Amino acid sequence: MKLNFAMFRIKLNKSVYIISVLYTVLLWNCKNTGHSSDLRINNDSLFNRLIIIDLDSLEEKDLVTYPVRLEYLRKIEVGGSVFEVADKWPDSVEIVKLETAQECLMGVVKRIYVVDSLLFISDSNEKLFVFDRSGKFRNTIGTLGRGNDELLSMVDFCVDALKRNVYVFDLLRKKIFKYDFQGHLLDKLRFENEVVNHTGHIYWMPDGNIVAELDYFPGSNYHYAILDRNNDYQVKNYACPYGIPSTLPVAFDHTMQSCRGDHCWMLTLLSDTIYRYADGEIVPAMVVKSNARPVTAEVLSGQNWETAFHADADLLRWGYSTGISKIWATDRFLYFTYRDMKDWYVVCWDRITCKGYKYKQYPRGNIFMPGGFIATCADAFIGAVSALDFLTPPEGVGGKERAQWKEWIKGIQEDDNPILLLYYVRK
């Protein structure tokens, strides 16, 4: 990203600056185009103020793996019982055991949306289930089949919490099926446009538009396409060009978007910027500053990498950032991963106080170590483990805690539905 600023700067605390900007912007890594026009940000917009998160000045927490020194242990509430763990957050962990019955047997959890007391969960078998927050099964949404009102495929789904509708993307039929929360089919929307075959995820925006996250493949130029609700969801404009066009079809598990209520946060490859959807456009909201230099269009010019992932090693060796790789958002907190010159960090950022902390990213030592999220709700980050993994006692658990563990796993079988873990963050 390259910015030319005429600005004044107010220091809020050690790690945040709010920049009021009167500027000319050249955003090489996030430009909206109506096939031709550049991104323009109104000078009266909230997004003329960028929050800069200074990684070096954030307090570093200890998130340790076993074996654990006694001074790192602390007690949190887990499933209604007090449990001794090594990680420094969250305050508590809620365990949700999804009901296991013939009509709701699940494969691997793919996506979860939480709306009020309802959990919408899609799985690897292209099925969509609705549970309540206690884990009780309520209904399914959509069925696979060749009938006129059946789905041929379920690539992705999204939820309009305000109007209480669910939208399922059927790639083979090139349609979006619209259901109510009880699973009744309401409508079938045409989805025949130039990006239909290259859409990985879809996200419903508060204004009714859809943001499609596009696959990273040869010939792809942009990360996102904004689909116009007023024009049969044809492409209204594109956003965030790939800095390095791919010469290979690449699948990656980066969580590049996280939507909560009216806020939808987005990332792009090799970028230190966190973007937001606002007024039909994707605009910059936050920038992470570290000891690594940001990647610009000039840095990438003339290089011959096959994909952005092939560029990582060279960019790190040259002293450049490889960007933010994953992001999750509750109503208050952002949680994202970032690599500086030496280490991978996880940052937990409080949007209300404009403060945060970081810790080094470790492999999950046990199922209570935060990470590997698949969703969020208003006040918690959500992970999922298989019943088999849940039955395996976590490392370091013994004595009194093992007795608690035995109580939690009563009645669970190895082939039961997955277990959800809701991590509640300290304020």
Protein backbone atom coordinates (compact mmCIF):
# COMPACT_ATOMS: atom_id res chain seq x y z
CA MET A 1 0.00 0.00 0.00
CA LYS A 2 1.30 3.44 -0.88
CA LEU A 3 -0.23 6.52 0.72
CA ASN A 4 0.63 10.19 0.24
CA PHE A 5 -0.62 12.07 3.27
CA ALA A 6 -1.15 15.63 4.37
CA MET A 7 -2.14 14.91 7.93
CA PHE A 8 -2.09 15.55 11.62
CA ARG A 9 -1.64 12.79 14.17
CA ILE A 10 -3.01 12.35 17.66
CA LYS A 11 -1.41 9.78 19.92
CA LEU A 12 -4.04 7.85 21.88
CA ASN A 13 -1.84 5.29 23.62
CA LYS A 14 1.37 3.39 23.05
CA SER A 15 0.00 1.25 20.27
CA VAL A 16 -2.57 3.29 18.36
CA TYR A 17 -2.65 6.34 16.20
CA ILE A 18 -5.73 7.72 14.50
CA ILE A 19 -4.78 9.47 11.34
CA SER A 20 -7.04 12.14 9.90
CA VAL A 21 -6.31 12.19 6.25
CA LEU A 22 -6.49 14.72 3.44
CA TYR A 23 -4.84 12.70 0.79
CA THR A 24 -4.35 11.34 -2.63
CA VAL A 25 -4.57 7.56 -2.38
CA LEU A 26 -2.92 4.94 -4.47
CA LEU A 27 -4.01 1.61 -3.00
CA TRP A 28 -2.32 -1.02 -5.15
CA ASN A 29 -3.71 -3.81 -3.03
CA CYS A 30 -7.32 -2.73 -2.68
CA LYS A 31 -8.86 -0.85 -5.55
CA ASN A 32 -12.59 -1.05 -6.32
CA THR A 33 -13.37 -1.03 -10.01
CA GLY A 34 -16.64 -0.90 -11.83
CA HIS A 35 -14.55 -2.75 -14.39
CA SER A 36 -12.69 0.53 -14.96
CA SER A 37 -13.09 3.19 -12.25
CA ASP A 38 -10.71 3.48 -9.29
CA LEU A 39 -11.64 3.35 -5.62
CA ARG A 40 -12.65 6.74 -4.29
CA ILE A 41 -13.09 7.54 -0.61
CA ASN A 42 -15.22 10.52 0.34
CA ASN A 43 -13.25 12.98 2.46
CA ASP A 44 -16.19 13.18 4.87
CA SER A 45 -16.16 9.42 5.39
CA LEU A 46 -15.26 7.74 8.66
CA PHE A 47 -12.70 5.80 6.69
CA ASN A 48 -10.55 8.86 6.20
CA ARG A 49 -9.38 7.88 9.66
CA LEU A 50 -7.08 4.89 9.65
CA ILE A 51 -6.16 3.13 12.87
CA ILE A 52 -2.53 2.06 12.93
CA ILE A 53 -1.76 -0.89 15.21
CA ASP A 54 1.91 -0.80 16.18
CA LEU A 55 2.90 -4.44 16.71
CA ASP A 56 6.18 -3.60 18.45
CA SER A 57 4.49 -1.54 21.16
CA LEU A 58 1.73 -4.04 22.00
CA GLU A 59 2.07 -5.82 25.33
CA GLU A 60 3.23 -9.39 24.78
CA LYS A 61 1.40 -12.09 26.72
CA ASP A 62 2.64 -15.58 27.48
CA LEU A 63 0.67 -18.32 25.79
CA VAL A 64 2.67 -21.39 26.65
CA THR A 65 2.54 -25.05 25.73
CA TYR A 66 3.22 -27.92 28.07
CA PRO A 67 5.28 -28.56 30.17
CA VAL A 68 4.03 -25.55 32.13
CA ARG A 69 5.75 -23.55 34.82
CA LEU A 70 3.48 -22.98 37.80
CA GLU A 71 3.56 -19.22 37.48
CA TYR A 72 1.92 -19.49 34.04
CA LEU A 73 -1.07 -21.48 35.25
CA ARG A 74 -4.35 -19.76 35.94
CA LYS A 75 -7.90 -20.86 36.58
CA ILE A 76 -10.78 -20.26 34.22
CA GLU A 77 -14.33 -21.53 34.05
CA VAL A 78 -14.77 -24.35 31.57
CA GLY A 79 -18.17 -25.90 31.01
CA GLY A 80 -19.38 -24.70 34.39
CA SER A 81 -16.35 -26.03 36.29
CA VAL A 82 -13.11 -24.35 37.30
CA PHE A 83 -10.19 -25.60 35.25
CA GLU A 84 -6.47 -24.86 35.45
CA VAL A 85 -4.95 -23.90 32.10
CA ALA A 86 -1.79 -22.35 30.76
CA ASP A 87 -3.12 -19.79 28.33
CA LYS A 88 -3.62 -16.17 29.35
CA TRP A 89 -7.07 -15.81 27.86
CA PRO A 90 -10.07 -16.20 27.66
CA ASP A 91 -12.14 -15.77 30.83
CA SER A 92 -14.17 -18.89 30.23
CA VAL A 93 -14.91 -21.61 27.72
CA GLU A 94 -18.42 -22.83 26.99
CA ILE A 95 -18.81 -26.38 25.74
CA VAL A 96 -21.70 -27.06 23.33
CA LYS A 97 -22.34 -30.72 22.57
CA LEU A 98 -24.29 -30.90 19.31
CA GLU A 99 -27.13 -33.41 19.44
CA THR A 100 -26.41 -36.65 17.61
CA ALA A 101 -29.39 -38.21 15.83
CA GLN A 102 -29.99 -39.92 12.51
CA GLU A 103 -31.50 -36.79 10.96
CA CYS A 104 -28.55 -34.57 11.92
CA LEU A 105 -25.41 -36.69 11.55
CA MET A 106 -22.61 -34.37 10.49
CA GLY A 107 -19.29 -34.62 8.72
CA VAL A 108 -16.49 -32.14 9.27
CA VAL A 109 -17.76 -28.68 10.20
CA LYS A 110 -17.11 -26.17 7.40
CA ARG A 111 -18.88 -22.95 8.38
CA ILE A 112 -20.95 -21.63 11.26
CA TYR A 113 -23.17 -18.58 11.55
CA VAL A 114 -24.60 -17.60 14.92
CA VAL A 115 -27.81 -15.55 15.00
CA ASP A 116 -29.33 -14.91 18.41
CA SER A 117 -29.81 -18.37 19.93
CA LEU A 118 -29.41 -20.29 16.66
CA LEU A 119 -26.38 -22.05 15.15
CA PHE A 120 -26.33 -22.54 11.36
CA ILE A 121 -23.72 -25.19 10.52
CA SER A 122 -22.65 -26.55 7.13
CA ASP A 123 -20.53 -29.67 6.83
CA SER A 124 -18.30 -31.55 4.41
CA ASN A 125 -21.29 -33.56 3.14
CA GLU A 126 -22.90 -30.39 1.73
CA LYS A 127 -25.65 -30.31 4.33
CA LEU A 128 -26.88 -27.36 6.37
CA PHE A 129 -28.17 -27.85 9.92
CA VAL A 130 -29.79 -25.56 12.47
CA PHE A 131 -29.16 -26.12 16.20
CA ASP A 132 -29.96 -23.96 19.20
CA ARG A 133 -27.25 -22.69 21.54
CA SER A 134 -27.71 -25.68 23.84
CA GLY A 135 -26.86 -28.00 20.92
CA LYS A 136 -30.39 -29.28 20.33
CA PHE A 137 -31.17 -30.02 16.67
CA ARG A 138 -34.00 -27.95 15.14
CA ASN A 139 -34.11 -28.46 11.38
CA THR A 140 -32.15 -28.71 8.15
CA ILE A 141 -32.10 -26.16 5.34
CA GLY A 142 -32.20 -27.31 1.73
CA THR A 143 -31.84 -30.82 0.34
CA LEU A 144 -29.57 -32.22 -2.34
CA GLY A 145 -31.31 -33.77 -5.34
CA ARG A 146 -32.39 -33.29 -8.92
CA GLY A 147 -35.85 -31.92 -8.21
CA ASN A 148 -36.72 -28.42 -9.31
CA ASP A 149 -36.58 -27.05 -5.77
CA GLU A 150 -33.58 -29.11 -4.67
CA LEU A 151 -29.91 -28.20 -4.61
CA LEU A 152 -27.41 -29.84 -6.92
CA SER A 153 -24.53 -28.47 -4.85
CA MET A 154 -23.99 -26.46 -1.69
CA VAL A 155 -20.79 -24.48 -2.17
CA ASP A 156 -21.42 -21.94 0.57
CA PHE A 157 -24.13 -20.14 2.51
CA CYS A 158 -24.66 -16.87 4.32
CA VAL A 159 -27.27 -15.46 6.68
CA ASP A 160 -29.23 -12.21 6.69
CA ALA A 161 -29.78 -11.86 10.44
CA LEU A 162 -32.00 -8.79 10.09
CA LYS A 163 -34.56 -10.30 7.71
CA ARG A 164 -33.91 -13.81 9.06
CA ASN A 165 -33.15 -15.41 5.73
CA VAL A 166 -30.53 -17.95 4.67
CA TYR A 167 -28.89 -17.87 1.22
CA VAL A 168 -27.33 -21.05 -0.20
CA PHE A 169 -25.02 -20.84 -3.22
CA ASP A 170 -25.58 -23.66 -5.73
CA LEU A 171 -22.72 -23.56 -8.21
CA LEU A 172 -24.09 -26.26 -10.51
CA ARG A 173 -27.46 -24.57 -10.91
CA LYS A 174 -25.87 -21.11 -10.87
CA LYS A 175 -28.49 -19.94 -8.41
CA ILE A 176 -28.75 -18.69 -4.85
CA PHE A 177 -31.54 -20.43 -2.95
CA LYS A 178 -33.29 -18.26 -0.37
CA TYR A 179 -34.80 -19.91 2.73
CA ASP A 180 -36.33 -18.80 6.00
CA PHE A 181 -34.82 -20.00 9.27
CA GLN A 182 -37.21 -22.98 9.37
CA GLY A 183 -35.89 -24.24 6.03
CA HIS A 184 -38.82 -23.20 3.82
CA LEU A 185 -37.74 -22.25 0.29
CA LEU A 186 -38.71 -18.64 -0.45
CA ASP A 187 -37.01 -17.85 -3.74
CA LYS A 188 -34.30 -18.81 -6.23
CA LEU A 189 -32.09 -15.95 -7.34
CA ARG A 190 -30.15 -15.97 -10.60
CA PHE A 191 -26.40 -15.98 -10.11
CA GLU A 192 -25.16 -16.07 -13.68
CA ASN A 193 -22.25 -13.69 -13.98
CA GLU A 194 -18.59 -13.76 -14.89
CA VAL A 195 -17.42 -14.81 -11.41
CA VAL A 196 -19.91 -17.59 -10.68
CA ASN A 197 -17.43 -20.39 -11.41
CA HIS A 198 -14.68 -18.80 -9.33
CA THR A 199 -16.55 -17.93 -6.15
CA GLY A 200 -15.34 -19.63 -2.98
CA HIS A 201 -17.35 -17.87 -0.26
CA ILE A 202 -20.28 -15.47 -0.28
CA TYR A 203 -21.08 -12.85 2.37
CA TRP A 204 -24.37 -11.04 2.79
CA MET A 205 -23.89 -7.32 3.40
CA PRO A 206 -26.27 -5.14 5.46
CA ASP A 207 -27.24 -3.19 2.32
CA GLY A 208 -28.36 -6.36 0.55
CA ASN A 209 -25.36 -6.67 -1.77
CA ILE A 210 -23.26 -9.83 -1.75
CA VAL A 211 -19.47 -9.85 -1.51
CA ALA A 212 -18.02 -12.87 -3.29
CA GLU A 213 -14.56 -14.02 -2.28
CA LEU A 214 -12.92 -15.16 -5.51
CA ASP A 215 -10.61 -18.13 -5.96
CA TYR A 216 -6.88 -17.61 -6.50
CA PHE A 217 -6.27 -19.15 -9.91
CA PRO A 218 -4.59 -18.35 -13.26
CA GLY A 219 -6.34 -15.38 -14.80
CA SER A 220 -7.83 -14.10 -11.55
CA ASN A 221 -7.05 -10.46 -10.90
CA TYR A 222 -9.12 -9.55 -7.85
CA HIS A 223 -9.78 -10.96 -4.42
CA TYR A 224 -13.39 -9.79 -4.15
CA ALA A 225 -16.37 -8.97 -6.32
CA ILE A 226 -19.33 -6.92 -5.10
CA LEU A 227 -22.60 -8.25 -6.52
CA ASP A 228 -25.42 -5.77 -7.01
CA ARG A 229 -28.75 -6.61 -5.34
CA ASN A 230 -30.51 -4.25 -7.77
CA ASN A 231 -29.16 -5.97 -10.88
CA ASP A 232 -29.72 -9.72 -10.41
CA TYR A 233 -26.43 -9.94 -8.51
CA GLN A 234 -24.33 -9.08 -11.50
CA VAL A 235 -20.85 -7.78 -10.71
CA LYS A 236 -21.10 -4.16 -9.59
CA ASN A 237 -17.37 -3.74 -9.11
CA TYR A 238 -14.22 -5.58 -8.16
CA ALA A 239 -11.98 -4.92 -5.19
CA CYS A 240 -8.48 -5.70 -3.99
CA PRO A 241 -6.36 -6.84 -6.94
CA TYR A 242 -3.94 -9.67 -6.30
CA GLY A 243 -0.45 -8.19 -6.07
CA ILE A 244 0.95 -11.37 -7.57
CA PRO A 245 -1.22 -13.03 -10.23
CA SER A 246 -1.29 -16.79 -9.82
CA THR A 247 0.04 -19.14 -12.49
CA LEU A 248 -1.25 -22.16 -10.54
CA PRO A 249 -4.67 -23.00 -9.09
CA VAL A 250 -4.19 -22.59 -5.33
CA ALA A 251 -6.48 -23.46 -2.44
CA PHE A 252 -5.71 -21.85 0.90
CA ASP A 253 -7.35 -21.97 4.31
CA HIS A 254 -6.82 -18.33 5.21
CA THR A 255 -9.87 -16.79 6.84
CA MET A 256 -9.96 -13.59 4.83
CA GLN A 257 -13.31 -12.20 6.01
CA SER A 258 -15.19 -11.99 9.27
CA CYS A 259 -18.61 -10.37 9.48
CA ARG A 260 -20.43 -9.32 12.63
CA GLY A 261 -23.64 -7.31 12.40
CA ASP A 262 -23.01 -4.20 10.31
CA HIS A 263 -19.25 -4.76 10.23
CA CYS A 264 -17.45 -6.93 7.72
CA TRP A 265 -13.65 -7.08 8.00
CA MET A 266 -11.54 -8.25 5.06
CA LEU A 267 -7.94 -9.12 4.24
CA THR A 268 -5.93 -9.50 1.05
CA LEU A 269 -2.79 -11.51 0.34
CA LEU A 270 0.54 -9.90 1.33
CA SER A 271 -1.22 -6.88 2.83
CA ASP A 272 -0.80 -5.28 6.27
CA THR A 273 -4.20 -3.59 5.92
CA ILE A 274 -7.54 -4.62 7.39
CA TYR A 275 -10.43 -3.46 5.20
CA ARG A 276 -14.12 -2.86 5.83
CA TYR A 277 -17.18 -2.93 3.64
CA ALA A 278 -18.92 0.46 3.65
CA ASP A 279 -21.43 2.09 1.32
CA GLY A 280 -20.98 -0.49 -1.41
CA GLU A 281 -17.18 -0.34 -1.38
CA ILE A 282 -14.27 -2.04 0.34
CA VAL A 283 -12.16 0.57 2.11
CA PRO A 284 -9.10 0.51 4.41
CA ALA A 285 -9.81 0.68 8.16
CA MET A 286 -6.65 -0.44 9.99
CA VAL A 287 -2.97 -0.92 9.21
CA VAL A 288 -0.53 -3.08 11.17
CA LYS A 289 2.92 -1.55 11.59
CA SER A 290 5.90 -3.75 12.47
CA ASN A 291 9.66 -4.00 12.01
CA ALA A 292 9.00 -5.48 8.56
CA ARG A 293 8.54 -3.13 5.63
CA PRO A 294 5.15 -3.15 3.85
CA VAL A 295 4.98 -4.72 0.40
CA THR A 296 4.26 -2.23 -2.37
CA ALA A 297 3.55 -2.56 -6.06
CA GLU A 298 7.13 -1.47 -6.77
CA VAL A 299 8.50 -4.37 -4.71
CA LEU A 300 6.48 -6.89 -6.71
CA SER A 301 7.14 -5.34 -10.10
CA GLY A 302 9.24 -7.49 -12.39
CA GLN A 303 9.21 -10.58 -10.17
CA ASN A 304 8.33 -14.02 -11.52
CA TRP A 305 6.80 -15.86 -8.58
CA GLU A 306 4.20 -18.48 -9.47
CA THR A 307 1.90 -17.46 -6.59
CA ALA A 308 1.93 -15.12 -3.60
CA PHE A 309 2.86 -18.07 -1.42
CA HIS A 310 6.02 -18.68 -3.43
CA ALA A 311 7.01 -15.09 -2.66
CA ASP A 312 6.94 -15.49 1.14
CA ALA A 313 10.49 -16.69 1.65
CA ASP A 314 12.02 -14.03 -0.61
CA LEU A 315 10.00 -11.21 0.93
CA LEU A 316 10.98 -12.23 4.45
CA ARG A 317 14.63 -12.46 3.46
CA TRP A 318 14.45 -8.98 1.96
CA GLY A 319 12.87 -7.57 5.13
CA TYR A 320 9.26 -7.25 3.93
CA SER A 321 6.03 -8.22 5.62
CA THR A 322 3.99 -11.13 4.30
CA GLY A 323 0.80 -9.57 5.62
CA ILE A 324 -2.09 -10.52 7.87
CA SER A 325 -3.16 -14.09 7.27
CA LYS A 326 -6.35 -14.73 9.28
CA ILE A 327 -8.98 -12.59 10.96
CA TRP A 328 -11.94 -13.17 13.27
CA ALA A 329 -14.26 -10.59 14.84
CA THR A 330 -16.74 -10.46 17.68
CA ASP A 331 -18.79 -7.34 18.25
CA ARG A 332 -15.91 -5.87 20.24
CA PHE A 333 -12.70 -7.78 19.53
CA LEU A 334 -10.60 -8.49 16.46
CA TYR A 335 -8.31 -11.51 16.48
CA PHE A 336 -5.76 -11.83 13.68
CA THR A 337 -2.43 -13.47 12.89
CA TYR A 338 0.61 -11.58 11.68
CA ARG A 339 4.23 -12.45 10.99
CA ASP A 340 7.03 -10.02 11.69
CA MET A 341 10.66 -10.69 10.77
CA LYS A 342 11.06 -13.54 13.26
CA ASP A 343 7.83 -14.82 14.74
CA TRP A 344 4.18 -15.50 14.06
CA TYR A 345 1.98 -13.48 16.40
CA VAL A 346 -1.67 -13.53 17.30
CA VAL A 347 -3.12 -10.10 18.08
CA CYS A 348 -6.27 -9.62 20.14
CA TRP A 349 -7.52 -6.06 19.57
CA ASP A 350 -10.24 -4.23 21.51
CA ARG A 351 -12.01 -1.89 19.08
CA ILE A 352 -13.70 0.07 21.88
CA THR A 353 -10.62 0.92 23.93
CA CYS A 354 -8.23 0.83 20.93
CA LYS A 355 -5.88 -1.38 22.91
CA GLY A 356 -4.65 -4.89 22.40
CA TYR A 357 -2.01 -7.45 23.15
CA LYS A 358 -0.08 -10.07 21.24
CA TYR A 359 1.29 -13.51 21.88
CA LYS A 360 3.43 -15.91 19.89
CA GLN A 361 1.46 -18.43 17.90
CA TYR A 362 1.99 -21.99 19.03
CA PRO A 363 0.47 -25.26 17.84
CA ARG A 364 -2.55 -26.07 19.92
CA GLY A 365 -1.26 -27.97 22.94
CA ASN A 366 -4.79 -28.93 23.98
CA ILE A 367 -8.34 -28.21 22.93
CA PHE A 368 -8.65 -25.31 25.35
CA MET A 369 -5.87 -23.37 23.69
CA PRO A 370 -7.55 -20.65 21.61
CA GLY A 371 -7.03 -20.96 17.88
CA GLY A 372 -8.34 -22.81 14.87
CA PHE A 373 -11.56 -20.83 14.98
CA ILE A 374 -14.31 -21.38 12.46
CA ALA A 375 -16.78 -18.69 13.54
CA THR A 376 -17.64 -16.00 16.05
CA CYS A 377 -20.73 -14.77 17.82
CA ALA A 378 -21.38 -11.45 19.56
CA ASP A 379 -19.01 -12.09 22.45
CA ALA A 380 -17.08 -15.31 21.77
CA PHE A 381 -14.72 -16.97 19.32
CA ILE A 382 -15.85 -20.44 18.25
CA GLY A 383 -13.78 -23.54 17.61
CA ALA A 384 -14.86 -27.11 16.91
CA VAL A 385 -13.33 -30.49 17.68
CA SER A 386 -14.46 -33.96 16.76
CA ALA A 387 -15.99 -36.09 19.48
CA LEU A 388 -12.98 -38.40 19.24
CA ASP A 389 -10.57 -35.54 19.89
CA PHE A 390 -12.74 -34.29 22.73
CA LEU A 391 -12.60 -37.69 24.41
CA THR A 392 -8.79 -37.52 24.48
CA PRO A 393 -7.70 -35.76 27.70
CA PRO A 394 -5.63 -32.65 26.98
CA GLU A 395 -1.96 -32.62 27.88
CA GLY A 396 -1.14 -31.69 31.43
CA VAL A 397 -4.56 -32.52 32.83
CA GLY A 398 -4.46 -34.69 35.91
CA GLY A 399 -5.78 -35.29 39.40
CA LYS A 400 -8.77 -33.14 40.27
CA GLU A 401 -9.06 -31.77 36.75
CA ARG A 402 -9.22 -35.28 35.28
CA ALA A 403 -12.26 -36.02 37.45
CA GLN A 404 -13.93 -32.94 35.97
CA TRP A 405 -12.99 -34.09 32.52
CA LYS A 406 -14.65 -37.44 33.06
CA GLU A 407 -17.82 -35.63 34.06
CA TRP A 408 -17.83 -33.56 30.85
CA ILE A 409 -17.40 -36.55 28.54
CA LYS A 410 -20.16 -38.69 30.03
CA GLY A 411 -22.38 -40.12 27.31
CA ILE A 412 -20.16 -38.97 24.42
CA GLN A 413 -19.28 -41.59 21.80
CA GLU A 414 -16.36 -41.40 19.38
CA ASP A 415 -18.66 -41.05 16.36
CA ASP A 416 -20.91 -38.38 17.89
CA ASN A 417 -21.36 -34.99 16.29
CA PRO A 418 -18.59 -32.41 16.82
CA ILE A 419 -18.19 -30.41 20.03
CA LEU A 420 -18.19 -26.60 19.84
CA LEU A 421 -15.94 -24.51 22.10
CA LEU A 422 -16.92 -20.89 22.72
CA TYR A 423 -14.05 -18.75 24.03
CA TYR A 424 -15.10 -15.62 25.93
CA VAL A 425 -12.46 -12.89 25.98
CA ARG A 426 -11.53 -10.72 28.94
CA LYS A 427 -12.31 -7.03 28.55
